[in-house]
C-alpha atoms as a PDB file:
ATOM      1  CA  MET A   1      15.459  11.527  34.849  1.00  0.00           C
ATOM      2  CA  SER A   2      17.824   8.555  35.678  1.00  0.00           C
ATOM      3  CA  ARG A   3      21.786   8.971  36.278  1.00  0.00           C
ATOM      4  CA  GLY A   4      22.928   7.809  32.859  1.00  0.00           C
ATOM      5  CA  SER A   5      20.169  10.125  31.192  1.00  0.00           C
ATOM      6  CA  GLN A   6      21.340  12.960  33.234  1.00  0.00           C
ATOM      7  CA  GLU A   7      25.147  12.179  32.177  1.00  0.00           C
ATOM      8  CA  LEU A   8      23.836  12.031  28.535  1.00  0.00           C
ATOM      9  CA  PHE A   9      21.931  15.323  28.994  1.00  0.00           C
ATOM     10  CA  ASN A  10      25.033  17.069  30.583  1.00  0.00           C
ATOM     11  CA  SER A  11      27.321  15.917  27.871  1.00  0.00           C
ATOM     12  CA  ARG A  12      25.090  16.893  25.064  1.00  0.00           C
ATOM     13  CA  LYS A  13      24.555  20.588  26.633  1.00  0.00           C
ATOM     14  CA  GLU A  14      28.435  20.913  26.940  1.00  0.00           C
ATOM     15  CA  GLU A  15      28.524  19.795  23.420  1.00  0.00           C
ATOM     16  CA  ILE A  16      26.014  22.493  22.087  1.00  0.00           C
ATOM     17  CA  ILE A  17      27.872  25.243  24.359  1.00  0.00           C
ATOM     18  CA  SER A  18      31.098  24.420  22.650  1.00  0.00           C
ATOM     19  CA  ALA A  19      29.359  24.739  19.006  1.00  0.00           C
ATOM     20  CA  CYS A  20      28.008  28.014  19.975  1.00  0.00           C
ATOM     21  CA  ALA A  21      31.246  28.945  21.105  1.00  0.00           C
ATOM     22  CA  GLU A  22      32.735  28.090  17.856  1.00  0.00           C
ATOM     23  CA  LEU A  23      30.123  29.892  15.890  1.00  0.00           C
ATOM     24  CA  TYR A  24      30.260  33.071  17.681  1.00  0.00           C
ATOM     25  CA  LYS A  25      33.764  33.113  16.377  1.00  0.00           C
ATOM     26  CA  ILE A  26      32.566  33.613  12.996  1.00  0.00           C
ATOM     27  CA  LYS A  27      29.091  35.052  13.262  1.00  0.00           C
ATOM     28  CA  SER A  28      26.915  37.065  15.342  1.00  0.00           C
ATOM     29  CA  PHE A  29      24.191  35.770  17.743  1.00  0.00           C
ATOM     30  CA  LYS A  30      21.619  36.820  15.293  1.00  0.00           C
ATOM     31  CA  GLU A  31      23.158  35.112  12.478  1.00  0.00           C
ATOM     32  CA  ILE A  32      23.332  31.664  14.125  1.00  0.00           C
ATOM     33  CA  THR A  33      20.493  29.322  13.368  1.00  0.00           C
ATOM     34  CA  ILE A  34      19.634  25.946  15.279  1.00  0.00           C
ATOM     35  CA  LYS A  35      20.397  24.101  12.295  1.00  0.00           C
ATOM     36  CA  GLU A  36      23.975  25.662  12.221  1.00  0.00           C
ATOM     37  CA  ILE A  37      24.213  24.652  15.784  1.00  0.00           C
ATOM     38  CA  ALA A  38      22.909  20.998  15.211  1.00  0.00           C
ATOM     39  CA  LYS A  39      25.697  20.409  12.356  1.00  0.00           C
ATOM     40  CA  PHE A  40      28.300  21.492  14.896  1.00  0.00           C
ATOM     41  CA  THR A  41      27.086  18.673  17.186  1.00  0.00           C
ATOM     42  CA  SER A  42      26.676  15.017  17.073  1.00  0.00           C
ATOM     43  CA  ASP A  43      22.662  15.246  17.509  1.00  0.00           C
ATOM     44  CA  LYS A  44      20.350  15.566  14.479  1.00  0.00           C
ATOM     45  CA  ARG A  45      18.492  18.715  14.425  1.00  0.00           C
ATOM     46  CA  ARG A  46      15.086  16.983  15.911  1.00  0.00           C
ATOM     47  CA  ASN A  47      17.276  15.834  19.240  1.00  0.00           C
ATOM     48  CA  PHE A  48      19.074  19.391  19.524  1.00  0.00           C
ATOM     49  CA  LEU A  49      15.351  20.790  19.608  1.00  0.00           C
ATOM     50  CA  GLY A  50      14.324  18.405  22.381  1.00  0.00           C
ATOM     51  CA  ILE A  51      17.308  19.083  24.595  1.00  0.00           C
ATOM     52  CA  VAL A  52      16.718  22.885  24.088  1.00  0.00           C
ATOM     53  CA  ALA A  53      12.806  22.754  24.959  1.00  0.00           C
ATOM     54  CA  LYS A  54      13.745  20.745  28.261  1.00  0.00           C
ATOM     55  CA  ARG A  55      15.607  23.799  29.290  1.00  0.00           C
ATOM     56  CA  ILE A  56      13.002  26.459  28.502  1.00  0.00           C
END
């Protein structure tokens, strides 16, 4: 992964973590969906799933 790609990946990762933290304030872990997390980020759902898939 190139430096620019790594920086973008890290930025999106932090955005996803922040979105989850906000959602945890109002919902339980089991209530939160991928769709809801994607709504809290600048990524579309498909892009979000790609980011998550790279870390599994």
